[in-house]
Amino acid sequence: MNKFGISAAIMAGMLSVGFASLAPQLVAQQPATTPAPSPASTSAPSLLPNQAPSQATDQNQAPAGQAGSAEEPGFKITTTVNEVNLIFTVTDKHGSFIPSLKQSDFALLDDRKAPARVSSFTQQTNLPLRVGIVIDASTSIRTRFQFEQQAATEFLLQVLKSKSDRAFVMGFDSTPTVTQDWTNNLDGLQTGVNKLRPGGGTAMFDAVYTACRDKLLDISRGQEPVRRAMVLVSDGNDNQSRAYMDDAIKMCQRSETIIYAISTNWTPSRGKGDDVLQKMAEETGGRAFYPPSVEEISVGFTSIEEELRSQYALTYTPADFKADGAFRTIYLFANDRRYSVRARKGYFSPKQ
C-alpha cells in the first residue's frame, strides 16, 4: 500500500459534511460482498468534493504539501501509514483515454465507506515507473519466443524515458529467474531479455508471486510515490506452480502492482489461459491484450506504454482505518456513466 500526505483543514471540514450525507446513500447501493457499479445518472453526487485551488495539481505540479521535484537534491516525501495512493485509468466505450477530469467527477468507497480525507488529486500523472517484465520461457511458447524478446526490448526502449524510471527482467519456465535486476540501463535490460532461453514446464503463478514479493513489494514502503506495473507475457497456462492464482493476485495487491498481460495464444478462440490472464489483470487494475498474431504483439506493448502515461492519482485517508493487515475493498467510479474507471479492487492495510 502506498502512503500519502494529509489534506488541509479546510478539506477536512468539507469532507465531514459531504461524506456524512453521501456515504450511506452509496453504501446502500452496494452488495454485502465486493461492491459493483449500480445504475446512476451522469449527474450522480460525488464523494470527492473539489479541492481548494492551492491543492489542485497537474502533471507538471507537485501535490500540495510537496515542494520541488523528485529530481531535486534533498527532495523527500513524508507519508503516513494510514493513507492510500490510488492510480487509475478512465476510458470511454471505445477504450480511448479521458483526460482533464476533476476530482468532483468521481465517487469512492473504501471498505464500503467514504474516505475521511482527500489530500491530493492529480491529472495525467507522470510518476516514476517501476516495471517488471515477466516473460514465459517455457517449452509451450518456443516458436514465438524470439519475437517476444524483440517486442519486449522495443517496449523497454519506449517506456523508460526518465532517469527516475526503473525496470527488471524475469523469465520463467518451471522456476522464475531474474536475468536483470532493477536498472534504467537499457543495454543491461536488453541483455537480460536476450539471456532468456525457452524450455521446461510453466509455473506462471509462482513467477508472478515471486516477482511481486521479491522485487515490487520491497520498493513499496517508505519511498517516493511510484507507479508499479508488471508486464506479463504468456499464454496463461500453468502446469507446475505451487502457488495458486489467488495467491499471485493477493501478492500483487500487497505490492500495489498493476498487471498488464499480453497473451501469446494466437489460436482463433480464447483459451482457459486467456481467462486467467484477464482475471489477474482485472483484479489488479490492469488490462489484458490478445494480439491476433505474433507480428502484432508490439501493439499491446504500445498500448501499455500509452496507458502508463495517461492515468490519474488520488491520495486519501480511509475512514475507520485499522492497521490489522486486513484486505480493504476499493470501489471507484465516474459520475458520468459513459466512462469506465479501471483501478485495483482493494489493498491490504499494514499490520502493526
Protein backbone atom coordinates (compact mmCIF):
# COMPACT_ATOMS: atom_id res chain seq x y z
CA MET A 1 0.00 0.00 0.00
CA ASN A 2 1.27 3.45 -0.86
CA LYS A 3 1.45 6.22 1.64
CA PHE A 4 0.14 9.67 1.37
CA GLY A 5 0.00 13.20 2.77
CA ILE A 6 -2.74 14.67 4.99
CA SER A 7 -5.26 17.11 3.50
CA ALA A 8 -5.63 20.66 4.68
CA ALA A 9 -8.02 21.59 7.50
CA ILE A 10 -10.41 23.23 5.08
CA MET A 11 -10.65 19.97 3.16
CA ALA A 12 -11.43 18.08 6.36
CA GLY A 13 -14.28 20.47 7.08
CA MET A 14 -15.77 19.98 3.64
CA LEU A 15 -15.43 16.21 3.86
CA SER A 16 -17.04 15.93 7.29
CA VAL A 17 -20.25 17.39 5.85
CA GLY A 18 -20.25 15.93 2.35
CA PHE A 19 -19.24 12.41 3.21
CA ALA A 20 -21.62 12.06 6.14
CA SER A 21 -24.62 12.67 3.91
CA LEU A 22 -23.43 10.89 0.77
CA ALA A 23 -21.74 7.76 2.07
CA PRO A 24 -24.91 5.98 3.33
CA GLN A 25 -26.58 6.68 0.00
CA LEU A 26 -23.87 4.84 -1.98
CA VAL A 27 -23.28 2.12 0.59
CA ALA A 28 -26.95 1.21 0.39
CA GLN A 29 -26.44 0.50 -3.30
CA GLN A 30 -23.64 -1.96 -2.64
CA PRO A 31 -23.97 -5.71 -2.01
CA ALA A 32 -22.58 -7.13 1.19
CA THR A 33 -19.56 -8.51 -0.67
CA THR A 34 -17.36 -6.86 -3.29
CA PRO A 35 -19.09 -3.65 -4.47
CA ALA A 36 -20.29 -3.46 -8.05
CA PRO A 37 -21.43 -0.42 -10.01
CA SER A 38 -25.14 0.38 -9.79
CA PRO A 39 -27.09 2.38 -12.34
CA ALA A 40 -26.64 6.09 -11.90
CA SER A 41 -27.24 9.20 -13.88
CA THR A 42 -24.43 11.31 -15.23
CA SER A 43 -25.21 13.85 -12.51
CA ALA A 44 -24.67 11.48 -9.58
CA PRO A 45 -23.31 13.20 -6.45
CA SER A 46 -19.59 12.89 -5.81
CA LEU A 47 -17.91 11.54 -2.71
CA LEU A 48 -14.82 13.50 -3.70
CA PRO A 49 -15.52 17.24 -3.43
CA ASN A 50 -13.33 19.68 -5.30
CA GLN A 51 -10.08 20.64 -3.64
CA ALA A 52 -9.13 24.18 -2.84
CA PRO A 53 -7.23 25.83 -5.70
CA SER A 54 -3.98 25.57 -3.78
CA GLN A 55 -4.34 21.80 -3.71
CA ALA A 56 -5.13 21.19 -7.38
CA THR A 57 -2.28 19.56 -9.25
CA ASP A 58 -1.32 18.56 -12.76
CA GLN A 59 1.48 16.59 -14.34
CA ASN A 60 3.93 19.47 -14.01
CA GLN A 61 2.98 20.45 -10.47
CA ALA A 62 3.71 18.65 -7.20
CA PRO A 63 0.76 17.82 -4.90
CA ALA A 64 0.00 20.13 -2.02
CA GLY A 65 2.48 19.80 0.80
CA GLN A 66 5.27 18.70 -1.53
CA ALA A 67 7.89 21.09 -2.81
CA GLY A 68 10.21 20.69 -5.74
CA SER A 69 10.52 17.57 -7.83
CA ALA A 70 11.93 14.10 -7.40
CA GLU A 71 14.92 15.21 -9.46
CA GLU A 72 15.96 17.92 -6.97
CA PRO A 73 18.69 17.24 -4.39
CA GLY A 74 17.34 16.58 -0.93
CA PHE A 75 13.78 16.11 -2.14
CA LYS A 76 11.84 13.90 0.26
CA ILE A 77 8.20 12.93 0.59
CA THR A 78 6.93 12.16 4.07
CA THR A 79 3.84 9.97 4.30
CA THR A 80 1.82 8.23 7.00
CA VAL A 81 0.80 4.60 7.16
CA ASN A 82 -2.94 5.18 7.07
CA GLU A 83 -3.10 6.81 3.64
CA VAL A 84 -3.78 5.24 0.26
CA ASN A 85 -2.38 6.24 -3.12
CA LEU A 86 -4.71 5.04 -5.88
CA ILE A 87 -3.65 5.08 -9.54
CA PHE A 88 -6.47 4.63 -12.03
CA THR A 89 -7.37 4.89 -15.71
CA VAL A 90 -10.52 6.35 -17.28
CA THR A 91 -11.70 5.34 -20.76
CA ASP A 92 -14.80 5.69 -22.92
CA LYS A 93 -16.67 2.79 -24.52
CA HIS A 94 -14.13 2.74 -27.36
CA GLY A 95 -11.20 2.36 -24.95
CA SER A 96 -9.92 5.92 -25.53
CA PHE A 97 -8.37 7.66 -22.54
CA ILE A 98 -10.36 10.51 -20.99
CA PRO A 99 -8.15 13.41 -19.82
CA SER A 100 -8.89 16.57 -17.84
CA LEU A 101 -11.47 15.16 -15.41
CA LYS A 102 -11.81 16.77 -11.98
CA GLN A 103 -11.94 15.28 -8.52
CA SER A 104 -15.66 16.03 -8.33
CA ASP A 105 -16.22 13.75 -11.33
CA PHE A 106 -15.59 10.63 -9.21
CA ALA A 107 -17.05 8.79 -6.24
CA LEU A 108 -15.09 6.44 -4.00
CA LEU A 109 -15.79 3.89 -1.28
CA ASP A 110 -13.04 2.28 0.78
CA ASP A 111 -14.25 -0.78 2.72
CA ARG A 112 -17.79 0.40 1.84
CA LYS A 113 -17.22 3.81 3.48
CA ALA A 114 -16.44 7.23 2.06
CA PRO A 115 -12.84 8.32 2.76
CA ALA A 116 -12.22 10.56 5.75
CA ARG A 117 -9.93 12.92 3.83
CA VAL A 118 -8.64 13.50 0.32
CA SER A 119 -5.20 15.10 0.28
CA SER A 120 -4.41 15.20 -3.45
CA PHE A 121 -5.87 14.54 -6.87
CA THR A 122 -3.58 14.63 -9.89
CA GLN A 123 -4.47 14.53 -13.57
CA GLN A 124 -2.32 12.64 -16.08
CA THR A 125 0.38 11.84 -13.59
CA ASN A 126 3.99 11.37 -14.54
CA LEU A 127 5.23 9.35 -11.58
CA PRO A 128 8.46 7.38 -11.85
CA LEU A 129 7.86 3.89 -13.25
CA ARG A 130 8.82 0.59 -11.64
CA VAL A 131 8.13 -2.07 -14.27
CA GLY A 132 8.75 -5.81 -14.10
CA ILE A 133 9.00 -7.57 -17.46
CA VAL A 134 7.96 -11.19 -16.75
CA ILE A 135 8.27 -13.45 -19.81
CA ASP A 136 7.08 -17.01 -20.28
CA ALA A 137 10.14 -19.01 -21.34
CA SER A 138 8.56 -22.47 -21.20
CA THR A 139 8.58 -25.04 -23.97
CA SER A 140 4.98 -24.23 -24.94
CA ILE A 141 5.93 -20.85 -26.43
CA ARG A 142 9.20 -21.88 -28.11
CA THR A 143 8.02 -20.96 -31.64
CA ARG A 144 7.04 -17.46 -30.53
CA PHE A 145 9.87 -16.75 -28.14
CA GLN A 146 12.24 -14.78 -30.36
CA PHE A 147 9.55 -12.31 -31.34
CA GLU A 148 8.55 -11.92 -27.68
CA GLN A 149 12.12 -10.93 -26.93
CA GLN A 150 12.18 -8.37 -29.73
CA ALA A 151 8.85 -6.84 -28.70
CA ALA A 152 9.87 -6.68 -25.02
CA THR A 153 13.05 -4.84 -25.96
CA GLU A 154 11.07 -2.35 -28.04
CA PHE A 155 8.71 -1.78 -25.13
CA LEU A 156 11.57 -1.02 -22.74
CA LEU A 157 13.05 1.43 -25.24
CA GLN A 158 9.67 3.21 -25.44
CA VAL A 159 8.62 3.24 -21.81
CA LEU A 160 11.81 4.08 -19.89
CA LYS A 161 12.04 7.76 -20.73
CA SER A 162 13.19 9.20 -17.43
CA LYS A 163 16.28 8.77 -15.28
CA SER A 164 13.92 8.01 -12.41
CA ASP A 165 12.28 5.03 -14.20
CA ARG A 166 13.45 1.50 -13.39
CA ALA A 167 12.71 -1.99 -14.72
CA PHE A 168 13.79 -5.59 -14.18
CA VAL A 169 13.58 -8.69 -16.37
CA MET A 170 12.38 -12.10 -15.19
CA GLY A 171 11.88 -15.22 -17.26
CA PHE A 172 10.12 -18.35 -16.09
CA ASP A 173 9.61 -21.97 -17.04
CA SER A 174 9.32 -24.37 -14.10
CA THR A 175 11.14 -21.75 -11.96
CA PRO A 176 11.48 -17.94 -12.18
CA THR A 177 14.88 -16.44 -12.99
CA VAL A 178 15.85 -12.76 -12.81
CA THR A 179 18.23 -12.03 -15.68
CA GLN A 180 18.46 -8.29 -14.99
CA ASP A 181 17.78 -6.61 -11.66
CA TRP A 182 16.36 -3.08 -11.20
CA THR A 183 18.03 -0.60 -13.54
CA ASN A 184 17.35 2.15 -16.06
CA ASN A 185 20.26 0.97 -18.21
CA LEU A 186 18.62 -0.04 -21.49
CA ASP A 187 21.61 -2.08 -22.65
CA GLY A 188 21.51 -4.09 -19.45
CA LEU A 189 17.77 -4.69 -19.77
CA GLN A 190 18.10 -5.75 -23.39
CA THR A 191 20.87 -8.17 -22.41
CA GLY A 192 18.60 -9.54 -19.68
CA VAL A 193 15.83 -10.22 -22.23
CA ASN A 194 18.28 -11.87 -24.66
CA LYS A 195 19.64 -14.17 -21.95
CA LEU A 196 16.31 -15.98 -21.69
CA ARG A 197 16.06 -19.41 -23.32
CA PRO A 198 12.82 -21.39 -23.73
CA GLY A 199 12.45 -24.84 -22.19
CA GLY A 200 10.76 -26.68 -19.34
CA GLY A 201 7.32 -26.54 -17.74
CA THR A 202 5.21 -23.49 -16.90
CA ALA A 203 4.98 -22.07 -13.36
CA MET A 204 3.38 -18.71 -14.12
CA PHE A 205 1.68 -18.17 -10.75
CA ASP A 206 4.96 -18.83 -8.93
CA ALA A 207 6.71 -16.29 -11.17
CA VAL A 208 4.11 -13.56 -10.59
CA TYR A 209 4.10 -14.24 -6.86
CA THR A 210 7.89 -14.14 -6.66
CA ALA A 211 8.24 -11.01 -8.78
CA CYS A 212 5.81 -9.11 -6.56
CA ARG A 213 7.19 -10.44 -3.27
CA ASP A 214 10.89 -10.09 -4.00
CA LYS A 215 11.05 -7.20 -6.45
CA LEU A 216 7.96 -4.99 -6.28
CA LEU A 217 6.94 -5.24 -2.63
CA ASP A 218 10.33 -4.14 -1.33
CA ILE A 219 10.07 -0.78 -3.10
CA SER A 220 6.50 -0.04 -1.98
CA ARG A 221 7.25 1.17 1.55
CA GLY A 222 8.94 4.37 2.64
CA GLN A 223 9.81 5.51 -0.84
CA GLU A 224 8.72 8.35 -3.09
CA PRO A 225 5.42 7.64 -4.89
CA VAL A 226 5.97 5.45 -7.94
CA ARG A 227 3.81 3.60 -10.42
CA ARG A 228 4.36 -0.16 -10.15
CA ALA A 229 3.42 -2.39 -13.06
CA MET A 230 4.12 -5.89 -14.30
CA VAL A 231 4.08 -6.75 -18.00
CA LEU A 232 3.27 -10.46 -18.12
CA VAL A 233 3.86 -12.16 -21.48
CA SER A 234 2.40 -15.67 -21.51
CA ASP A 235 -0.35 -17.91 -22.86
CA GLY A 236 -1.77 -18.02 -19.32
CA ASN A 237 -1.47 -21.79 -18.92
CA ASP A 238 0.17 -23.09 -15.75
CA ASN A 239 1.14 -26.68 -15.03
CA GLN A 240 3.84 -26.54 -12.35
CA SER A 241 3.15 -23.76 -9.84
CA ARG A 242 2.95 -24.41 -6.14
CA ALA A 243 1.11 -21.10 -5.72
CA TYR A 244 -2.50 -20.70 -6.82
CA MET A 245 -3.86 -17.87 -8.95
CA ASP A 246 -5.42 -16.19 -5.89
CA ASP A 247 -2.04 -16.29 -4.13
CA ALA A 248 -0.43 -14.48 -7.06
CA ILE A 249 -3.22 -11.88 -7.21
CA LYS A 250 -3.05 -11.18 -3.48
CA MET A 251 0.70 -10.67 -3.62
CA CYS A 252 0.21 -8.19 -6.48
CA GLN A 253 -2.33 -6.35 -4.34
CA ARG A 254 0.05 -6.32 -1.38
CA SER A 255 2.78 -4.79 -3.53
CA GLU A 256 0.25 -2.46 -5.23
CA THR A 257 1.27 -3.72 -8.65
CA ILE A 258 -0.85 -3.48 -11.80
CA ILE A 259 -0.68 -6.44 -14.18
CA TYR A 260 -0.71 -5.85 -17.92
CA ALA A 261 -0.98 -9.25 -19.57
CA ILE A 262 -0.16 -9.97 -23.20
CA SER A 263 -1.47 -13.31 -24.38
CA THR A 264 0.67 -15.41 -26.69
CA ASN A 265 -2.30 -17.60 -27.61
CA TRP A 266 -2.94 -16.84 -31.27
CA THR A 267 -5.50 -19.56 -31.93
CA PRO A 268 -8.89 -18.39 -33.30
CA SER A 269 -10.66 -18.96 -29.97
CA ARG A 270 -9.91 -17.77 -26.44
CA GLY A 271 -8.45 -20.47 -24.22
CA LYS A 272 -8.58 -21.12 -20.48
CA GLY A 273 -5.24 -19.39 -20.10
CA ASP A 274 -6.67 -16.21 -21.64
CA ASP A 275 -9.38 -16.14 -18.97
CA VAL A 276 -6.70 -16.49 -16.30
CA LEU A 277 -4.78 -13.50 -17.70
CA GLN A 278 -7.99 -11.46 -17.85
CA LYS A 279 -8.79 -12.24 -14.20
CA MET A 280 -5.32 -11.33 -12.96
CA ALA A 281 -5.32 -8.06 -14.88
CA GLU A 282 -8.81 -7.01 -13.73
CA GLU A 283 -8.17 -7.73 -10.05
CA THR A 284 -5.07 -5.53 -10.05
CA GLY A 285 -6.49 -2.65 -12.11
CA GLY A 286 -4.65 -3.59 -15.29
CA ARG A 287 -5.61 -4.88 -18.67
CA ALA A 288 -5.20 -7.99 -20.83
CA PHE A 289 -4.27 -7.82 -24.51
CA TYR A 290 -4.91 -10.51 -27.12
CA PRO A 291 -2.89 -9.71 -30.25
CA PRO A 292 -4.23 -11.75 -33.20
CA SER A 293 -0.77 -12.72 -34.41
CA VAL A 294 2.83 -12.82 -33.27
CA GLU A 295 3.60 -9.86 -35.52
CA GLU A 296 1.15 -7.65 -33.59
CA ILE A 297 2.41 -8.30 -30.07
CA SER A 298 4.19 -4.94 -30.16
CA VAL A 299 0.78 -3.24 -30.44
CA GLY A 300 -0.01 -4.46 -26.93
CA PHE A 301 3.26 -3.05 -25.61
CA THR A 302 2.48 0.31 -27.25
CA SER A 303 -0.95 0.40 -25.58
CA ILE A 304 0.58 -0.30 -22.18
CA GLU A 305 3.14 2.47 -22.62
CA GLU A 306 0.37 4.91 -23.55
CA GLU A 307 -1.74 3.93 -20.56
CA LEU A 308 1.10 4.25 -18.08
CA ARG A 309 1.44 7.89 -19.14
CA SER A 310 -2.33 8.59 -19.13
CA GLN A 311 -3.51 7.91 -15.59
CA TYR A 312 -4.87 9.75 -12.58
CA ALA A 313 -3.61 9.60 -8.98
CA LEU A 314 -5.76 10.03 -5.89
CA THR A 315 -4.43 10.21 -2.33
CA TYR A 316 -6.84 9.72 0.57
CA THR A 317 -7.19 8.67 4.21
CA PRO A 318 -9.69 5.83 4.74
CA ALA A 319 -12.44 6.12 7.33
CA ASP A 320 -12.22 3.76 10.32
CA PHE A 321 -8.72 2.68 9.29
CA LYS A 322 -7.24 -0.24 11.22
CA ALA A 323 -3.64 -1.42 10.89
CA ASP A 324 -4.67 -5.07 11.15
CA GLY A 325 -3.36 -6.47 7.86
CA ALA A 326 -6.90 -7.00 6.55
CA PHE A 327 -7.94 -6.63 2.91
CA ARG A 328 -9.99 -3.49 2.23
CA THR A 329 -12.06 -3.22 -0.93
CA ILE A 330 -11.97 -0.19 -3.20
CA TYR A 331 -14.95 0.93 -5.30
CA LEU A 332 -14.27 3.88 -7.60
CA PHE A 333 -16.47 5.08 -10.44
CA ALA A 334 -17.04 8.11 -12.64
CA ASN A 335 -20.28 10.01 -12.13
CA ASP A 336 -20.60 10.18 -15.91
CA ARG A 337 -21.53 6.56 -16.58
CA ARG A 338 -20.33 6.80 -20.16
CA TYR A 339 -16.84 6.44 -18.73
CA SER A 340 -15.22 3.33 -17.28
CA VAL A 341 -12.74 3.53 -14.40
CA ARG A 342 -10.11 0.83 -14.07
CA ALA A 343 -8.42 0.59 -10.66
CA ARG A 344 -7.26 -2.14 -8.31
CA LYS A 345 -10.09 -3.80 -6.39
CA GLY A 346 -8.52 -3.27 -3.00
CA TYR A 347 -5.40 -3.40 -0.83
CA PHE A 348 -4.02 -4.88 2.38
CA SER A 349 -3.65 -2.49 5.29
CA PRO A 350 -0.27 -2.58 7.08
CA LYS A 351 -0.10 -4.77 10.15
CA GLN A 352 1.43 -3.34 13.29
